[in-house]
All heavy atoms as atom14 arrays in JSON, in Angstrom:
{
  "sequence": "GSLRLSCAASGPPRSNYAMGWFRRAPGKEREFVADISWSGGRTHD",
  "atom14_mask": [
    [1, 1, 1, 1, 0, 0, 0, 0, 0, 0, 0, 0, 0, 0],
    [1, 1, 1, 1, 1, 1, 0, 0, 0, 0, 0, 0, 0, 0],
    [1, 1, 1, 1, 1, 1, 1, 1, 0, 0, 0, 0, 0, 0],
    [1, 1, 1, 1, 1, 1, 1, 1, 1, 1, 1, 0, 0, 0],
    [1, 1, 1, 1, 1, 1, 1, 1, 0, 0, 0, 0, 0, 0],
    [1, 1, 1, 1, 1, 1, 0, 0, 0, 0, 0, 0, 0, 0],
    [1, 1, 1, 1, 1, 1, 0, 0, 0, 0, 0, 0, 0, 0],
    [1, 1, 1, 1, 1, 0, 0, 0, 0, 0, 0, 0, 0, 0],
    [1, 1, 1, 1, 1, 0, 0, 0, 0, 0, 0, 0, 0, 0],
    [1, 1, 1, 1, 1, 1, 0, 0, 0, 0, 0, 0, 0, 0],
    [1, 1, 1, 1, 0, 0, 0, 0, 0, 0, 0, 0, 0, 0],
    [1, 1, 1, 1, 1, 1, 1, 0, 0, 0, 0, 0, 0, 0],
    [1, 1, 1, 1, 1, 1, 1, 0, 0, 0, 0, 0, 0, 0],
    [1, 1, 1, 1, 1, 1, 1, 1, 1, 1, 1, 0, 0, 0],
    [1, 1, 1, 1, 1, 1, 0, 0, 0, 0, 0, 0, 0, 0],
    [1, 1, 1, 1, 1, 1, 1, 1, 0, 0, 0, 0, 0, 0],
    [1, 1, 1, 1, 1, 1, 1, 1, 1, 1, 1, 1, 0, 0],
    [1, 1, 1, 1, 1, 0, 0, 0, 0, 0, 0, 0, 0, 0],
    [1, 1, 1, 1, 1, 1, 1, 1, 0, 0, 0, 0, 0, 0],
    [1, 1, 1, 1, 0, 0, 0, 0, 0, 0, 0, 0, 0, 0],
    [1, 1, 1, 1, 1, 1, 1, 1, 1, 1, 1, 1, 1, 1],
    [1, 1, 1, 1, 1, 1, 1, 1, 1, 1, 1, 0, 0, 0],
    [1, 1, 1, 1, 1, 1, 1, 1, 1, 1, 1, 0, 0, 0],
    [1, 1, 1, 1, 1, 1, 1, 1, 1, 1, 1, 0, 0, 0],
    [1, 1, 1, 1, 1, 0, 0, 0, 0, 0, 0, 0, 0, 0],
    [1, 1, 1, 1, 1, 1, 1, 0, 0, 0, 0, 0, 0, 0],
    [1, 1, 1, 1, 0, 0, 0, 0, 0, 0, 0, 0, 0, 0],
    [1, 1, 1, 1, 1, 1, 1, 1, 1, 0, 0, 0, 0, 0],
    [1, 1, 1, 1, 1, 1, 1, 1, 1, 0, 0, 0, 0, 0],
    [1, 1, 1, 1, 1, 1, 1, 1, 1, 1, 1, 0, 0, 0],
    [1, 1, 1, 1, 1, 1, 1, 1, 1, 0, 0, 0, 0, 0],
    [1, 1, 1, 1, 1, 1, 1, 1, 1, 1, 1, 0, 0, 0],
    [1, 1, 1, 1, 1, 1, 1, 0, 0, 0, 0, 0, 0, 0],
    [1, 1, 1, 1, 1, 0, 0, 0, 0, 0, 0, 0, 0, 0],
    [1, 1, 1, 1, 1, 1, 1, 1, 0, 0, 0, 0, 0, 0],
    [1, 1, 1, 1, 1, 1, 1, 1, 0, 0, 0, 0, 0, 0],
    [1, 1, 1, 1, 1, 1, 0, 0, 0, 0, 0, 0, 0, 0],
    [1, 1, 1, 1, 1, 1, 1, 1, 1, 1, 1, 1, 1, 1],
    [1, 1, 1, 1, 1, 1, 0, 0, 0, 0, 0, 0, 0, 0],
    [1, 1, 1, 1, 0, 0, 0, 0, 0, 0, 0, 0, 0, 0],
    [1, 1, 1, 1, 0, 0, 0, 0, 0, 0, 0, 0, 0, 0],
    [1, 1, 1, 1, 1, 1, 1, 1, 1, 1, 1, 0, 0, 0],
    [1, 1, 1, 1, 1, 1, 1, 0, 0, 0, 0, 0, 0, 0],
    [1, 1, 1, 1, 1, 1, 1, 1, 1, 1, 0, 0, 0, 0],
    [1, 1, 1, 1, 1, 1, 1, 1, 0, 0, 0, 0, 0, 0]
  ],
  "atom14_positions": [
    [[-48.26, 131.64, 149.38], [-49.43, 131.14, 148.65], [-50.23, 132.32, 147.91], [-49.72, 133.44, 148.05], [0.0, 0.0, 0.0], [0.0, 0.0, 0.0], [0.0, 0.0, 0.0], [0.0, 0.0, 0.0], [0.0, 0.0, 0.0], [0.0, 0.0, 0.0], [0.0, 0.0, 0.0], [0.0, 0.0, 0.0], [0.0, 0.0, 0.0], [0.0, 0.0, 0.0]],
    [[-51.37, 132.05, 147.37], [-52.1, 132.98, 146.62], [-53.55, 132.94, 147.03], [-54.09, 131.86, 147.47], [-51.94, 132.69, 145.07], [-50.69, 132.73, 144.64], [0.0, 0.0, 0.0], [0.0, 0.0, 0.0], [0.0, 0.0, 0.0], [0.0, 0.0, 0.0], [0.0, 0.0, 0.0], [0.0, 0.0, 0.0], [0.0, 0.0, 0.0], [0.0, 0.0, 0.0]],
    [[-54.19, 134.12, 146.91], [-55.67, 134.18, 147.06], [-56.13, 135.21, 146.01], [-55.47, 136.1, 145.59], [-56.03, 134.73, 148.49], [-56.04, 133.72, 149.62], [-56.33, 134.49, 150.9], [-57.09, 132.62, 149.41], [0.0, 0.0, 0.0], [0.0, 0.0, 0.0], [0.0, 0.0, 0.0], [0.0, 0.0, 0.0], [0.0, 0.0, 0.0], [0.0, 0.0, 0.0]],
    [[-57.42, 135.03, 145.67], [-58.0, 135.93, 144.76], [-59.3, 136.49, 145.4], [-60.19, 135.78, 145.68], [-58.4, 135.23, 143.45], [-59.03, 136.05, 142.32], [-59.24, 135.25, 141.16], [-59.79, 136.03, 139.97], [-59.02, 136.6, 139.06], [-57.74, 136.5, 139.13], [-59.58, 137.28, 138.07], [0.0, 0.0, 0.0], [0.0, 0.0, 0.0], [0.0, 0.0, 0.0]],
    [[-59.37, 137.79, 145.59], [-60.43, 138.54, 146.14], [-61.34, 139.03, 145.02], [-60.87, 139.5, 143.99], [-60.03, 139.59, 147.07], [-59.14, 139.33, 148.27], [-58.96, 140.54, 149.08], [-59.71, 138.14, 149.03], [0.0, 0.0, 0.0], [0.0, 0.0, 0.0], [0.0, 0.0, 0.0], [0.0, 0.0, 0.0], [0.0, 0.0, 0.0], [0.0, 0.0, 0.0]],
    [[-62.64, 139.01, 145.25], [-63.55, 139.54, 144.28], [-64.42, 140.58, 144.93], [-64.76, 140.49, 146.11], [-64.48, 138.42, 143.65], [-63.68, 137.57, 142.9], [0.0, 0.0, 0.0], [0.0, 0.0, 0.0], [0.0, 0.0, 0.0], [0.0, 0.0, 0.0], [0.0, 0.0, 0.0], [0.0, 0.0, 0.0], [0.0, 0.0, 0.0], [0.0, 0.0, 0.0]],
    [[-64.93, 141.62, 144.2], [-65.88, 142.6, 144.58], [-66.96, 142.65, 143.62], [-66.65, 143.02, 142.46], [-65.14, 143.86, 144.9], [-66.27, 145.21, 145.36], [0.0, 0.0, 0.0], [0.0, 0.0, 0.0], [0.0, 0.0, 0.0], [0.0, 0.0, 0.0], [0.0, 0.0, 0.0], [0.0, 0.0, 0.0], [0.0, 0.0, 0.0], [0.0, 0.0, 0.0]],
    [[-68.19, 142.44, 144.02], [-69.34, 142.51, 143.1], [-70.01, 143.91, 143.4], [-70.35, 144.18, 144.56], [-70.27, 141.37, 143.28], [0.0, 0.0, 0.0], [0.0, 0.0, 0.0], [0.0, 0.0, 0.0], [0.0, 0.0, 0.0], [0.0, 0.0, 0.0], [0.0, 0.0, 0.0], [0.0, 0.0, 0.0], [0.0, 0.0, 0.0], [0.0, 0.0, 0.0]],
    [[-70.22, 144.68, 142.38], [-70.91, 145.95, 142.47], [-72.29, 145.9, 141.87], [-72.48, 145.36, 140.84], [-70.07, 147.06, 141.87], [0.0, 0.0, 0.0], [0.0, 0.0, 0.0], [0.0, 0.0, 0.0], [0.0, 0.0, 0.0], [0.0, 0.0, 0.0], [0.0, 0.0, 0.0], [0.0, 0.0, 0.0], [0.0, 0.0, 0.0], [0.0, 0.0, 0.0]],
    [[-73.26, 146.56, 142.61], [-74.62, 146.7, 142.03], [-75.13, 148.1, 142.37], [-74.64, 148.74, 143.3], [-75.48, 145.61, 142.66], [-75.62, 145.76, 144.08], [0.0, 0.0, 0.0], [0.0, 0.0, 0.0], [0.0, 0.0, 0.0], [0.0, 0.0, 0.0], [0.0, 0.0, 0.0], [0.0, 0.0, 0.0], [0.0, 0.0, 0.0], [0.0, 0.0, 0.0]],
    [[-76.11, 148.48, 141.52], [-76.7, 149.78, 141.77], [-76.88, 150.51, 140.34], [-76.8, 149.87, 139.37], [0.0, 0.0, 0.0], [0.0, 0.0, 0.0], [0.0, 0.0, 0.0], [0.0, 0.0, 0.0], [0.0, 0.0, 0.0], [0.0, 0.0, 0.0], [0.0, 0.0, 0.0], [0.0, 0.0, 0.0], [0.0, 0.0, 0.0], [0.0, 0.0, 0.0]],
    [[-77.08, 151.81, 140.43], [-77.32, 152.51, 139.19], [-76.05, 152.55, 138.33], [-74.95, 152.52, 138.81], [-77.63, 153.95, 139.64], [-77.05, 153.97, 141.06], [-77.16, 152.74, 141.61], [0.0, 0.0, 0.0], [0.0, 0.0, 0.0], [0.0, 0.0, 0.0], [0.0, 0.0, 0.0], [0.0, 0.0, 0.0], [0.0, 0.0, 0.0], [0.0, 0.0, 0.0]],
    [[-76.14, 152.58, 136.95], [-75.06, 152.61, 136.12], [-74.25, 153.84, 136.33], [-74.74, 154.96, 136.66], [-75.67, 152.55, 134.68], [-76.99, 153.05, 134.92], [-77.4, 152.64, 136.28], [0.0, 0.0, 0.0], [0.0, 0.0, 0.0], [0.0, 0.0, 0.0], [0.0, 0.0, 0.0], [0.0, 0.0, 0.0], [0.0, 0.0, 0.0], [0.0, 0.0, 0.0]],
    [[-72.89, 153.72, 136.21], [-71.95, 154.88, 136.4], [-70.99, 154.87, 135.16], [-70.78, 153.93, 134.54], [-71.25, 154.7, 137.7], [-72.13, 154.56, 138.89], [-71.26, 154.37, 140.26], [-70.7, 153.07, 140.23], [-69.72, 152.77, 140.99], [-69.14, 153.66, 141.78], [-69.13, 151.54, 141.0], [0.0, 0.0, 0.0], [0.0, 0.0, 0.0], [0.0, 0.0, 0.0]],
    [[-70.31, 156.03, 135.05], [-69.46, 156.12, 133.87], [-68.1, 156.53, 134.29], [-67.16, 156.17, 133.51], [-70.04, 157.17, 132.86], [-70.3, 158.41, 133.5], [0.0, 0.0, 0.0], [0.0, 0.0, 0.0], [0.0, 0.0, 0.0], [0.0, 0.0, 0.0], [0.0, 0.0, 0.0], [0.0, 0.0, 0.0], [0.0, 0.0, 0.0], [0.0, 0.0, 0.0]],
    [[-67.89, 157.39, 135.23], [-66.53, 157.83, 135.56], [-66.32, 157.73, 137.05], [-66.87, 158.48, 137.89], [-66.32, 159.23, 135.17], [-66.47, 159.5, 133.67], [-65.82, 158.96, 132.91], [-67.62, 160.16, 133.29], [0.0, 0.0, 0.0], [0.0, 0.0, 0.0], [0.0, 0.0, 0.0], [0.0, 0.0, 0.0], [0.0, 0.0, 0.0], [0.0, 0.0, 0.0]],
    [[-65.44, 156.79, 137.48], [-65.24, 156.49, 138.9], [-64.04, 155.62, 139.05], [-63.42, 155.32, 138.07], [-66.5, 155.85, 139.49], [-66.87, 154.49, 138.77], [-66.47, 153.35, 139.29], [-67.6, 154.53, 137.61], [-66.69, 152.11, 138.67], [-67.93, 153.33, 136.97], [-67.47, 152.14, 137.5], [-67.77, 151.0, 136.82], [0.0, 0.0, 0.0], [0.0, 0.0, 0.0]],
    [[-63.76, 155.34, 140.28], [-62.65, 154.39, 140.65], [-63.1, 153.44, 141.64], [-64.05, 153.75, 142.42], [-61.38, 155.12, 141.09], [0.0, 0.0, 0.0], [0.0, 0.0, 0.0], [0.0, 0.0, 0.0], [0.0, 0.0, 0.0], [0.0, 0.0, 0.0], [0.0, 0.0, 0.0], [0.0, 0.0, 0.0], [0.0, 0.0, 0.0], [0.0, 0.0, 0.0]],
    [[-62.41, 152.36, 141.68], [-62.69, 151.36, 142.77], [-61.26, 150.93, 143.37], [-60.27, 150.96, 142.62], [-63.37, 150.12, 142.25], [-64.83, 150.36, 141.84], [-65.69, 148.93, 141.18], [-65.95, 148.1, 142.75], [0.0, 0.0, 0.0], [0.0, 0.0, 0.0], [0.0, 0.0, 0.0], [0.0, 0.0, 0.0], [0.0, 0.0, 0.0], [0.0, 0.0, 0.0]],
    [[-61.35, 150.62, 144.65], [-60.04, 150.3, 145.19], [-60.24, 149.22, 146.29], [-61.3, 148.87, 146.67], [0.0, 0.0, 0.0], [0.0, 0.0, 0.0], [0.0, 0.0, 0.0], [0.0, 0.0, 0.0], [0.0, 0.0, 0.0], [0.0, 0.0, 0.0], [0.0, 0.0, 0.0], [0.0, 0.0, 0.0], [0.0, 0.0, 0.0], [0.0, 0.0, 0.0]],
    [[-59.09, 148.73, 146.79], [-58.97, 147.74, 147.85], [-58.11, 148.47, 148.98], [-57.12, 149.13, 148.71], [-58.21, 146.51, 147.41], [-59.07, 145.59, 146.55], [-58.95, 145.61, 145.17], [-60.03, 144.7, 146.92], [-59.86, 144.68, 144.7], [-60.49, 144.11, 145.68], [-60.58, 144.24, 148.09], [-61.58, 143.25, 145.72], [-61.57, 143.34, 148.08], [-62.06, 142.81, 146.86]],
    [[-58.68, 148.4, 150.13], [-58.0, 148.83, 151.32], [-57.97, 147.69, 152.32], [-58.71, 146.71, 152.2], [-58.77, 149.96, 151.99], [-58.81, 151.25, 151.15], [-59.52, 151.4, 150.02], [-57.89, 152.3, 151.58], [-59.51, 152.58, 149.32], [-57.81, 153.44, 150.84], [-58.68, 153.6, 149.66], [0.0, 0.0, 0.0], [0.0, 0.0, 0.0], [0.0, 0.0, 0.0]],
    [[-57.17, 147.79, 153.27], [-57.05, 146.65, 154.33], [-56.79, 147.27, 155.72], [-56.24, 148.39, 155.85], [-56.03, 145.63, 153.93], [-54.61, 146.19, 154.01], [-53.64, 145.1, 153.51], [-52.25, 145.54, 153.51], [-51.19, 144.86, 153.05], [-51.37, 143.7, 152.4], [-49.96, 145.38, 153.05], [0.0, 0.0, 0.0], [0.0, 0.0, 0.0], [0.0, 0.0, 0.0]],
    [[-57.26, 146.51, 156.66], [-56.96, 146.94, 158.1], [-56.57, 145.79, 158.84], [-57.28, 144.77, 158.98], [-58.23, 147.51, 158.73], [-58.03, 148.12, 160.14], [-59.31, 148.45, 160.87], [-60.03, 149.45, 160.19], [-59.91, 150.72, 160.32], [-58.97, 151.19, 161.11], [-60.63, 151.59, 159.72], [0.0, 0.0, 0.0], [0.0, 0.0, 0.0], [0.0, 0.0, 0.0]],
    [[-55.3, 145.77, 159.36], [-54.7, 144.7, 160.14], [-55.05, 145.03, 161.6], [-55.24, 146.19, 161.95], [-53.22, 144.64, 159.94], [0.0, 0.0, 0.0], [0.0, 0.0, 0.0], [0.0, 0.0, 0.0], [0.0, 0.0, 0.0], [0.0, 0.0, 0.0], [0.0, 0.0, 0.0], [0.0, 0.0, 0.0], [0.0, 0.0, 0.0], [0.0, 0.0, 0.0]],
    [[-55.03, 143.96, 162.44], [-55.38, 144.15, 163.82], [-54.46, 145.21, 164.53], [-53.2, 145.15, 164.36], [-55.14, 142.77, 164.45], [-55.31, 141.83, 163.36], [-54.84, 142.56, 162.13], [0.0, 0.0, 0.0], [0.0, 0.0, 0.0], [0.0, 0.0, 0.0], [0.0, 0.0, 0.0], [0.0, 0.0, 0.0], [0.0, 0.0, 0.0], [0.0, 0.0, 0.0]],
    [[-54.97, 146.18, 165.15], [-54.23, 147.2, 165.84], [-53.64, 148.28, 164.96], [-52.9, 149.11, 165.46], [0.0, 0.0, 0.0], [0.0, 0.0, 0.0], [0.0, 0.0, 0.0], [0.0, 0.0, 0.0], [0.0, 0.0, 0.0], [0.0, 0.0, 0.0], [0.0, 0.0, 0.0], [0.0, 0.0, 0.0], [0.0, 0.0, 0.0], [0.0, 0.0, 0.0]],
    [[-53.95, 148.24, 163.64], [-53.37, 149.16, 162.75], [-54.51, 150.02, 162.04], [-55.56, 149.61, 162.05], [-52.49, 148.46, 161.75], [-51.19, 147.75, 162.31], [-50.35, 147.25, 161.19], [-49.1, 146.62, 161.76], [-48.3, 146.1, 160.75], [0.0, 0.0, 0.0], [0.0, 0.0, 0.0], [0.0, 0.0, 0.0], [0.0, 0.0, 0.0], [0.0, 0.0, 0.0]],
    [[-54.01, 151.09, 161.39], [-54.95, 151.94, 160.75], [-55.3, 151.34, 159.35], [-54.55, 150.53, 158.87], [-54.45, 153.32, 160.57], [-54.38, 154.05, 161.83], [-53.93, 155.51, 161.58], [-53.66, 155.92, 160.42], [-53.87, 156.31, 162.65], [0.0, 0.0, 0.0], [0.0, 0.0, 0.0], [0.0, 0.0, 0.0], [0.0, 0.0, 0.0], [0.0, 0.0, 0.0]],
    [[-56.36, 151.72, 158.78], [-56.71, 151.29, 157.42], [-55.64, 151.73, 156.42], [-55.13, 152.85, 156.52], [-58.1, 151.85, 157.0], [-58.58, 151.45, 155.62], [-59.94, 152.03, 155.45], [-60.08, 153.48, 155.74], [-61.22, 154.09, 155.82], [-62.37, 153.5, 155.69], [-61.21, 155.37, 156.14], [0.0, 0.0, 0.0], [0.0, 0.0, 0.0], [0.0, 0.0, 0.0]],
    [[-55.35, 150.84, 155.51], [-54.18, 151.02, 154.58], [-54.67, 150.81, 153.11], [-55.34, 149.87, 152.82], [-53.08, 150.01, 154.9], [-51.89, 150.02, 154.0], [-50.91, 148.92, 154.27], [-51.35, 147.84, 154.81], [-49.79, 149.0, 153.92], [0.0, 0.0, 0.0], [0.0, 0.0, 0.0], [0.0, 0.0, 0.0], [0.0, 0.0, 0.0], [0.0, 0.0, 0.0]],
    [[-54.24, 151.75, 152.23], [-54.5, 151.6, 150.82], [-53.75, 150.41, 150.26], [-52.52, 150.2, 150.58], [-54.11, 152.88, 150.04], [-54.1, 152.75, 148.61], [-55.25, 152.78, 147.92], [-52.94, 152.58, 147.93], [-55.26, 152.65, 146.45], [-52.88, 152.49, 146.6], [-53.98, 152.49, 145.86], [0.0, 0.0, 0.0], [0.0, 0.0, 0.0], [0.0, 0.0, 0.0]],
    [[-54.39, 149.64, 149.38], [-53.74, 148.51, 148.72], [-53.59, 148.73, 147.19], [-52.47, 148.71, 146.63], [-54.49, 147.25, 148.98], [-53.88, 146.08, 148.11], [-54.59, 146.85, 150.44], [0.0, 0.0, 0.0], [0.0, 0.0, 0.0], [0.0, 0.0, 0.0], [0.0, 0.0, 0.0], [0.0, 0.0, 0.0], [0.0, 0.0, 0.0], [0.0, 0.0, 0.0]],
    [[-54.66, 148.98, 146.51], [-54.63, 149.19, 145.02], [-55.91, 149.8, 144.66], [-56.97, 149.78, 145.24], [-54.42, 147.88, 144.34], [0.0, 0.0, 0.0], [0.0, 0.0, 0.0], [0.0, 0.0, 0.0], [0.0, 0.0, 0.0], [0.0, 0.0, 0.0], [0.0, 0.0, 0.0], [0.0, 0.0, 0.0], [0.0, 0.0, 0.0], [0.0, 0.0, 0.0]],
    [[-55.82, 150.49, 143.42], [-57.01, 151.06, 142.77], [-57.01, 150.96, 141.29], [-55.98, 150.76, 140.68], [-57.26, 152.55, 143.18], [-56.17, 153.57, 142.66], [-56.11, 153.64, 141.41], [-55.47, 154.07, 143.48], [0.0, 0.0, 0.0], [0.0, 0.0, 0.0], [0.0, 0.0, 0.0], [0.0, 0.0, 0.0], [0.0, 0.0, 0.0], [0.0, 0.0, 0.0]],
    [[-58.26, 151.1, 140.74], [-58.36, 151.0, 139.28], [-59.45, 152.03, 138.92], [-60.45, 152.09, 139.57], [-58.69, 149.61, 138.78], [-58.75, 149.45, 137.34], [-59.93, 149.06, 139.48], [-58.88, 148.04, 136.81], [0.0, 0.0, 0.0], [0.0, 0.0, 0.0], [0.0, 0.0, 0.0], [0.0, 0.0, 0.0], [0.0, 0.0, 0.0], [0.0, 0.0, 0.0]],
    [[-59.36, 152.62, 137.73], [-60.27, 153.65, 137.34], [-61.06, 153.22, 136.16], [-60.56, 152.43, 135.37], [-59.6, 155.02, 137.11], [-58.63, 154.89, 136.09], [0.0, 0.0, 0.0], [0.0, 0.0, 0.0], [0.0, 0.0, 0.0], [0.0, 0.0, 0.0], [0.0, 0.0, 0.0], [0.0, 0.0, 0.0], [0.0, 0.0, 0.0], [0.0, 0.0, 0.0]],
    [[-62.3, 153.84, 136.07], [-63.15, 153.52, 134.9], [-63.54, 154.87, 134.24], [-63.94, 155.79, 134.91], [-64.46, 152.85, 135.44], [-64.44, 151.47, 135.42], [-64.87, 150.52, 134.47], [-64.0, 150.61, 136.54], [-64.75, 149.2, 134.88], [-64.24, 149.2, 136.12], [-63.51, 150.84, 137.86], [-63.88, 148.16, 137.0], [-63.16, 149.78, 138.6], [-63.33, 148.45, 138.22]],
    [[-63.55, 154.82, 132.92], [-64.05, 156.04, 132.17], [-64.35, 155.6, 130.77], [-63.64, 154.71, 130.2], [-63.0, 157.1, 132.12], [-63.42, 158.27, 131.44], [0.0, 0.0, 0.0], [0.0, 0.0, 0.0], [0.0, 0.0, 0.0], [0.0, 0.0, 0.0], [0.0, 0.0, 0.0], [0.0, 0.0, 0.0], [0.0, 0.0, 0.0], [0.0, 0.0, 0.0]],
    [[-65.41, 156.18, 130.14], [-65.75, 155.81, 128.8], [-66.02, 154.26, 128.61], [-65.82, 153.74, 127.52], [0.0, 0.0, 0.0], [0.0, 0.0, 0.0], [0.0, 0.0, 0.0], [0.0, 0.0, 0.0], [0.0, 0.0, 0.0], [0.0, 0.0, 0.0], [0.0, 0.0, 0.0], [0.0, 0.0, 0.0], [0.0, 0.0, 0.0], [0.0, 0.0, 0.0]],
    [[-66.54, 153.66, 129.57], [-66.91, 152.22, 129.5], [-65.87, 151.19, 129.59], [-66.06, 150.09, 129.19], [0.0, 0.0, 0.0], [0.0, 0.0, 0.0], [0.0, 0.0, 0.0], [0.0, 0.0, 0.0], [0.0, 0.0, 0.0], [0.0, 0.0, 0.0], [0.0, 0.0, 0.0], [0.0, 0.0, 0.0], [0.0, 0.0, 0.0], [0.0, 0.0, 0.0]],
    [[-64.66, 151.67, 130.0], [-63.62, 150.67, 130.17], [-62.69, 151.01, 131.27], [-62.68, 152.22, 131.75], [-62.8, 150.58, 128.87], [-62.04, 151.79, 128.45], [-61.27, 151.49, 127.17], [-60.44, 152.63, 126.78], [-59.2, 152.7, 127.11], [-58.61, 151.92, 127.87], [-58.47, 153.86, 126.75], [0.0, 0.0, 0.0], [0.0, 0.0, 0.0], [0.0, 0.0, 0.0]],
    [[-61.82, 150.13, 131.75], [-60.89, 150.38, 132.77], [-59.72, 151.15, 132.23], [-59.38, 151.02, 131.04], [-60.37, 149.09, 133.46], [-59.77, 148.28, 132.44], [-61.6, 148.36, 134.05], [0.0, 0.0, 0.0], [0.0, 0.0, 0.0], [0.0, 0.0, 0.0], [0.0, 0.0, 0.0], [0.0, 0.0, 0.0], [0.0, 0.0, 0.0], [0.0, 0.0, 0.0]],
    [[-59.08, 151.93, 133.15], [-57.92, 152.68, 132.72], [-56.8, 152.45, 133.72], [-56.3, 151.36, 133.86], [-58.33, 154.23, 132.68], [-59.18, 154.6, 131.54], [-58.61, 155.01, 130.33], [-60.51, 154.53, 131.38], [-59.71, 155.21, 129.44], [-60.78, 154.9, 130.09], [0.0, 0.0, 0.0], [0.0, 0.0, 0.0], [0.0, 0.0, 0.0], [0.0, 0.0, 0.0]],
    [[-56.29, 153.44, 134.44], [-55.17, 153.4, 135.31], [-55.3, 152.49, 136.45], [-56.38, 152.3, 137.05], [-54.72, 154.7, 135.77], [-54.46, 155.71, 134.64], [-54.1, 155.24, 133.52], [-54.59, 156.91, 134.86], [0.0, 0.0, 0.0], [0.0, 0.0, 0.0], [0.0, 0.0, 0.0], [0.0, 0.0, 0.0], [0.0, 0.0, 0.0], [0.0, 0.0, 0.0]]
  ]
}
């Protein structure tokens, strides 16, 4: 099946940064899932 996760961000405006998703399964360490970068007012890699 499928699910769609959302992340709402609030706070001071920013211009160059990245956001990502991580996950932690029971008994396991935190694991990287995916990331996306922002620069110049739009998303990049």
